[in-house]
Amino acid sequence: MTLYWPRRLLAPRKVTAEPVYATASGGRSLTAVEQIVATDAGYWSIVLDEIPVAGAVRKKVWRAMSVLLEGRMNTCAVPIYDYEAPWPVGADYGDYTGIPFSDSALFSDDGGFQQPVITATIQSAVSLGAVTVPITVVSGAALEVPNHFSVANQLYRIKSITSVVGTLTTVKVWPPVRVAMTAGADAEFDDPRQLCRLATDGEMMSGADDYAGRTLARVNFVEALPDAPA
């Protein structure tokens, strides 16, 4: 079962989403030379810190997430709250909500439609393990290093821009492609997420009952690596 972290109700004040690299070395030689090699592609570590969980609604949502995750058993698509996405000039995060009907009317709850600020798709199929990804940017600003995006809840960071031809931007990414991408798949820049598991079975204890209402919780996630192909 895959859950989605409630990005607004349990929004952290601090977020760290960084690669954990895997390197090895045989140590320095007598001449101080050291050879370092990458043993594999590493994995994502995401920390959501200072999450306010005071109040009945947030407390209930926290408890629900805790029991549904069942420690490290189930996976969760975790947002990285990336506020440096390539927004168009004058746009900012959240400007894609509250869009009215053509006659300026809203829905009965005073809400409007929602549309992406950044619309991008995978231009052609990308195989498992590839490090180059062709992205068609339909709307939004030019892509830059180190923008983040996700495809099917797999998070990538742009390492370099290989070429730009019209709306097609070819980029090199970290990590290597975890799950093969199909042509036309959405490249999510507005709200990139990574499929994760809790780092430990006891992570959700940080938001345990605090009847003084001052709890600021912290949750550590690690990337849930896809199963190896048969």
Protein backbone atom coordinates (compact mmCIF):
# COMPACT_ATOMS: atom_id res chain seq x y z
CA MET A 1 0.00 0.00 0.00
CA THR A 2 1.30 3.44 -0.96
CA LEU A 3 0.22 6.52 0.97
CA TYR A 4 0.62 10.22 0.18
CA TRP A 5 2.01 12.50 2.87
CA PRO A 6 -0.59 15.23 3.64
CA ARG A 7 1.56 18.12 2.45
CA ARG A 8 -0.63 20.93 3.81
CA LEU A 9 -1.96 19.54 7.10
CA LEU A 10 1.43 18.17 8.18
CA ALA A 11 3.67 20.73 6.49
CA PRO A 12 7.18 20.98 7.98
CA ARG A 13 9.01 24.21 8.68
CA LYS A 14 12.31 22.62 7.65
CA VAL A 15 12.95 20.10 4.89
CA THR A 16 16.10 18.27 3.88
CA ALA A 17 16.05 16.18 0.72
CA GLU A 18 19.56 15.08 -0.15
CA PRO A 19 21.36 12.16 -1.79
CA VAL A 20 23.21 9.67 0.38
CA TYR A 21 26.15 8.55 -1.74
CA ALA A 22 27.82 5.16 -1.56
CA THR A 23 31.59 5.28 -2.07
CA ALA A 24 34.45 3.05 -1.00
CA SER A 25 38.20 3.40 -0.74
CA GLY A 26 41.09 1.10 0.01
CA GLY A 27 42.77 3.91 1.94
CA ARG A 28 45.75 6.09 1.07
CA SER A 29 48.93 4.65 -0.37
CA LEU A 30 52.41 5.51 0.88
CA THR A 31 52.43 8.37 -1.59
CA ALA A 32 49.08 9.64 -0.22
CA VAL A 33 47.18 8.62 -3.33
CA GLU A 34 43.65 7.44 -2.67
CA GLN A 35 41.29 5.89 -5.19
CA ILE A 36 37.60 6.36 -4.44
CA VAL A 37 34.92 4.49 -6.34
CA ALA A 38 31.14 4.59 -6.25
CA THR A 39 29.78 1.23 -5.13
CA ASP A 40 26.24 1.99 -6.32
CA ALA A 41 23.98 4.93 -7.08
CA GLY A 42 23.12 5.75 -3.45
CA TYR A 43 19.64 6.73 -2.29
CA TRP A 44 17.50 9.70 -1.20
CA SER A 45 17.17 10.76 2.43
CA ILE A 46 14.27 13.10 3.22
CA VAL A 47 13.78 14.74 6.62
CA LEU A 48 10.58 16.62 7.45
CA ASP A 49 11.33 18.65 10.56
CA GLU A 50 9.41 20.97 12.89
CA ILE A 51 5.99 19.71 11.82
CA PRO A 52 3.25 21.34 13.94
CA VAL A 53 0.88 18.61 15.12
CA ALA A 54 -1.02 20.58 17.77
CA GLY A 55 -4.80 20.59 17.46
CA ALA A 56 -7.34 17.83 17.03
CA VAL A 57 -7.32 17.66 13.23
CA ARG A 58 -3.55 17.45 12.84
CA LYS A 59 -3.31 14.97 15.70
CA LYS A 60 -5.88 12.68 14.08
CA VAL A 61 -4.14 12.86 10.71
CA TRP A 62 -0.78 12.14 12.36
CA ARG A 63 -2.18 9.09 14.16
CA ALA A 64 -3.85 7.87 10.96
CA MET A 65 -0.58 8.13 9.01
CA SER A 66 1.25 6.32 11.79
CA VAL A 67 -1.07 3.32 11.84
CA LEU A 68 -1.35 3.15 8.04
CA LEU A 69 2.41 3.24 7.51
CA GLU A 70 2.91 0.43 10.07
CA GLY A 71 6.51 1.40 10.70
CA ARG A 72 8.66 0.58 7.70
CA MET A 73 6.07 -1.80 6.23
CA ASN A 74 4.27 0.51 3.80
CA THR A 75 5.51 3.18 1.42
CA CYS A 76 4.68 6.87 1.26
CA ALA A 77 5.05 9.41 -1.55
CA VAL A 78 6.85 12.21 0.29
CA PRO A 79 6.86 15.78 -1.05
CA ILE A 80 10.12 17.74 -0.87
CA TYR A 81 8.45 21.18 -0.75
CA ASP A 82 10.69 22.49 -3.52
CA TYR A 83 10.21 26.26 -3.66
CA GLU A 84 12.93 26.71 -6.28
CA ALA A 85 11.06 25.06 -9.12
CA PRO A 86 11.25 26.78 -12.54
CA TRP A 87 8.14 28.93 -12.12
CA PRO A 88 7.20 31.29 -14.94
CA VAL A 89 8.09 34.95 -14.35
CA GLY A 90 5.74 36.39 -11.73
CA ALA A 91 4.41 33.03 -10.57
CA ASP A 92 4.94 31.50 -7.16
CA TYR A 93 4.03 28.25 -5.45
CA GLY A 94 0.26 27.92 -5.00
CA ASP A 95 -0.79 30.30 -7.79
CA TYR A 96 -2.34 27.40 -9.68
CA THR A 97 -5.34 27.08 -7.32
CA GLY A 98 -8.65 28.91 -7.09
CA ILE A 99 -9.20 29.26 -10.84
CA PRO A 100 -12.89 30.18 -11.50
CA PHE A 101 -15.31 29.18 -14.24
CA SER A 102 -15.40 31.35 -17.37
CA ASP A 103 -18.09 33.53 -15.72
CA SER A 104 -15.81 34.08 -12.67
CA ALA A 105 -17.97 31.82 -10.46
CA LEU A 106 -16.40 29.36 -8.03
CA PHE A 107 -17.67 26.05 -6.69
CA SER A 108 -20.17 26.02 -3.84
CA ASP A 109 -17.36 25.76 -1.27
CA ASP A 110 -15.68 28.86 -2.76
CA GLY A 111 -12.95 26.71 -4.25
CA GLY A 112 -11.81 26.84 -7.84
CA PHE A 113 -10.12 24.67 -10.38
CA GLN A 114 -6.45 23.73 -10.13
CA GLN A 115 -3.91 23.60 -12.91
CA PRO A 116 -0.16 23.12 -12.93
CA VAL A 117 2.13 26.11 -12.99
CA ILE A 118 4.75 23.97 -14.72
CA THR A 119 3.64 21.45 -17.32
CA ALA A 120 6.32 19.10 -18.60
CA THR A 121 6.39 15.63 -20.11
CA ILE A 122 8.96 12.99 -20.99
CA GLN A 123 9.63 13.43 -24.70
CA SER A 124 10.61 9.83 -25.49
CA ALA A 125 10.98 6.55 -23.66
CA VAL A 126 13.84 6.34 -21.13
CA SER A 127 15.24 2.99 -20.03
CA LEU A 128 15.98 1.79 -16.52
CA GLY A 129 19.40 2.99 -15.34
CA ALA A 130 19.70 5.82 -17.88
CA VAL A 131 21.16 9.14 -16.74
CA THR A 132 19.91 11.28 -19.64
CA VAL A 133 16.26 12.34 -19.80
CA PRO A 134 14.55 14.37 -22.59
CA ILE A 135 11.90 16.73 -21.16
CA THR A 136 9.38 18.80 -23.10
CA VAL A 137 8.47 21.95 -21.16
CA VAL A 138 4.95 22.96 -22.19
CA SER A 139 4.67 25.83 -19.70
CA GLY A 140 7.03 27.22 -17.10
CA ALA A 141 10.47 28.79 -17.14
CA ALA A 142 13.65 27.24 -18.53
CA LEU A 143 15.01 24.27 -16.59
CA GLU A 144 18.15 24.82 -14.53
CA VAL A 145 20.64 22.92 -12.39
CA PRO A 146 19.66 21.69 -9.76
CA ASN A 147 15.90 21.65 -10.37
CA HIS A 148 13.98 18.65 -9.02
CA PHE A 149 11.23 16.69 -10.73
CA SER A 150 9.58 13.34 -10.25
CA VAL A 151 8.13 10.74 -12.58
CA ALA A 152 5.74 8.20 -11.04
CA ASN A 153 6.87 9.32 -7.55
CA GLN A 154 10.55 8.76 -8.31
CA LEU A 155 12.59 11.88 -7.54
CA TYR A 156 15.41 13.23 -9.72
CA ARG A 157 17.78 16.18 -9.48
CA ILE A 158 19.10 17.78 -12.65
CA LYS A 159 22.92 17.53 -12.74
CA SER A 160 23.48 19.26 -16.06
CA ILE A 161 21.69 20.56 -19.14
CA THR A 162 22.84 18.69 -22.24
CA SER A 163 20.88 20.59 -24.87
CA VAL A 164 17.95 22.93 -25.39
CA VAL A 165 16.07 22.83 -28.69
CA GLY A 166 12.83 24.79 -28.62
CA THR A 167 10.66 23.31 -25.86
CA LEU A 168 12.81 20.17 -25.61
CA THR A 169 15.44 20.19 -22.85
CA THR A 170 17.72 17.19 -22.47
CA VAL A 171 19.16 16.80 -18.97
CA LYS A 172 21.43 14.51 -17.01
CA VAL A 173 19.95 13.42 -13.68
CA TRP A 174 20.78 11.88 -10.32
CA PRO A 175 20.01 9.15 -9.47
CA PRO A 176 20.01 6.97 -12.59
CA VAL A 177 16.46 6.30 -13.73
CA ARG A 178 14.86 4.01 -11.14
CA VAL A 179 11.83 2.95 -13.20
CA ALA A 180 11.68 3.06 -17.00
CA MET A 181 9.84 6.15 -18.26
CA THR A 182 7.32 6.09 -21.09
CA ALA A 183 6.97 8.77 -23.74
CA GLY A 184 4.41 11.36 -22.67
CA ALA A 185 4.70 10.59 -18.94
CA ASP A 186 4.27 13.60 -16.66
CA ALA A 187 7.44 15.17 -15.28
CA GLU A 188 6.22 16.67 -11.98
CA PHE A 189 7.99 19.92 -11.17
CA ASP A 190 5.21 21.61 -9.16
CA ASP A 191 5.13 19.02 -6.38
CA PRO A 192 7.98 16.51 -6.80
CA ARG A 193 7.76 13.49 -4.51
CA GLN A 194 9.80 10.43 -3.70
CA LEU A 195 8.46 7.03 -2.78
CA CYS A 196 9.90 6.32 0.68
CA ARG A 197 9.72 4.23 3.80
CA LEU A 198 10.18 5.43 7.35
CA ALA A 199 13.86 5.30 8.30
CA THR A 200 12.98 3.38 11.49
CA ASP A 201 9.86 1.74 12.86
CA GLY A 202 9.63 4.36 15.61
CA GLU A 203 9.77 7.54 13.48
CA MET A 204 6.16 8.55 14.14
CA MET A 205 6.73 8.57 17.91
CA SER A 206 8.07 12.13 17.57
CA GLY A 207 4.48 13.33 17.19
CA ALA A 208 3.10 11.35 20.14
CA ASP A 209 0.51 13.01 22.36
CA ASP A 210 1.51 16.36 23.81
CA TYR A 211 -1.50 17.76 25.58
CA ALA A 212 0.21 21.12 26.03
CA GLY A 213 -0.17 21.51 22.26
CA ARG A 214 3.43 22.45 21.53
CA THR A 215 4.61 19.39 19.62
CA LEU A 216 6.92 19.96 16.66
CA ALA A 217 7.50 16.55 15.12
CA ARG A 218 10.33 15.21 12.97
CA VAL A 219 10.19 12.31 10.53
CA ASN A 220 13.07 10.69 8.69
CA PHE A 221 12.37 8.92 5.40
CA VAL A 222 14.63 6.89 3.12
CA GLU A 223 14.04 6.05 -0.51
CA ALA A 224 12.10 2.86 -1.15
CA LEU A 225 14.21 1.37 -3.90
CA PRO A 226 12.21 -0.45 -6.60
CA ASP A 227 12.49 -4.21 -6.72
CA ALA A 228 15.21 -5.44 -9.02
CA PRO A 229 13.88 -6.72 -12.37
CA ALA A 230 13.60 -10.49 -12.64
